[in-house]
Protein backbone atom coordinates (compact mmCIF):
# COMPACT_ATOMS: atom_id res chain seq x y z
CA MET A 1 0.21 -0.42 -0.16
CA GLY A 2 1.57 3.44 -0.82
CA ILE A 3 1.29 6.55 1.05
CA GLY A 4 -2.14 7.40 -1.23
CA GLY A 5 -3.54 4.43 0.16
CA CYS A 6 -2.07 5.26 3.92
CA VAL A 7 -3.56 8.29 3.73
CA LEU A 8 -7.07 7.63 2.85
CA LEU A 9 -7.22 5.53 5.67
CA ALA A 10 -6.43 7.28 8.59
CA ALA A 11 -8.25 9.95 7.12
CA LEU A 12 -11.54 7.21 7.35
CA GLY A 13 -10.70 5.83 10.47
CA ALA A 14 -10.84 9.58 11.33
CA VAL A 15 -13.86 9.94 10.18
CA LEU A 16 -15.73 6.84 11.09
CA ALA A 17 -13.65 8.09 14.62
CA PHE A 18 -14.54 11.60 15.50
CA ALA A 19 -18.13 12.01 12.64
CA VAL A 20 -19.98 9.12 12.50
CA ASP A 21 -23.08 9.25 15.49
CA TRP A 22 -25.02 6.17 13.95
CA GLU A 23 -24.06 3.42 16.17
CA PRO A 24 -25.56 0.08 14.14
CA SER A 25 -26.03 -3.48 15.77
CA GLY A 26 -23.43 -5.62 16.75
CA VAL A 27 -20.29 -3.38 15.63
CA ASN A 28 -18.60 -0.46 17.67
CA LEU A 29 -18.01 2.55 14.46
CA HIS A 30 -15.34 4.61 17.06
CA MET A 31 -12.74 1.71 17.56
CA VAL A 32 -13.16 0.82 14.09
CA GLY A 33 -12.09 4.39 12.98
CA TRP A 34 -9.96 4.18 15.98
CA ILE A 35 -7.51 1.10 14.02
CA LEU A 36 -7.54 2.57 10.71
CA LEU A 37 -6.48 5.22 12.15
CA VAL A 38 -3.82 4.23 13.94
CA ALA A 39 -3.77 0.98 10.81
CA GLY A 40 -3.52 4.21 9.01
CA LEU A 41 -0.42 6.38 11.27
CA LEU A 42 1.33 3.08 10.60
CA GLY A 43 1.54 2.26 7.37
CA LEU A 44 2.94 5.88 6.64
CA LEU A 45 5.80 5.76 9.27
CA VAL A 46 6.36 2.30 7.37
CA ASN A 47 6.18 3.54 4.35
CA ALA A 48 8.47 6.95 5.38
CA THR A 49 11.20 5.18 6.52
CA VAL A 50 11.86 2.61 3.43
CA LEU A 51 11.38 5.59 1.33
CA ARG A 52 14.32 6.99 2.84
CA ARG A 53 15.82 3.89 3.15
CA ARG A 54 15.89 4.11 -0.90
CA ARG A 55 16.21 7.43 -1.94
CA HIS A 56 19.08 7.28 0.41
CA GLY A 57 20.88 3.97 -0.23
CA GLY A 58 22.74 4.80 -2.52
CA ARG A 59 25.17 8.15 -2.41
CA VAL A 60 28.01 8.57 -1.46
CA GLY A 61 28.82 11.22 1.26
CA PRO A 62 31.72 14.53 0.87
CA ASP A 63 34.44 12.17 3.07
CA GLU A 64 33.95 9.49 0.60
CA VAL A 65 36.26 8.63 -1.44
CA VAL A 66 36.08 6.63 -4.82
CA GLU A 67 37.74 4.12 -6.74
CA GLU A 68 37.20 4.15 -10.03
CA ARG A 69 39.04 1.62 -12.41
CA ARG A 70 38.71 0.69 -15.55
CA TYR A 71 39.03 -2.79 -17.81
CA TYR A 72 40.37 -3.48 -20.62
CA GLU A 73 40.63 -6.60 -23.32
């Protein structure tokens, strides 16, 4: 699930947790909303850490020496 899916899940959870006053029998919509909100925020956190690792994974720092080797046949 990408960033958009996580934001959508968190937004749906916030709407269910804070804005819905309808209470069907057998389902606590407020608790379902809190669960979706937490799941969306955790997904955003995991997604952000994975994207940060991918973004900074191949870069060379300013103090690192890079050696170039050429092979000729």
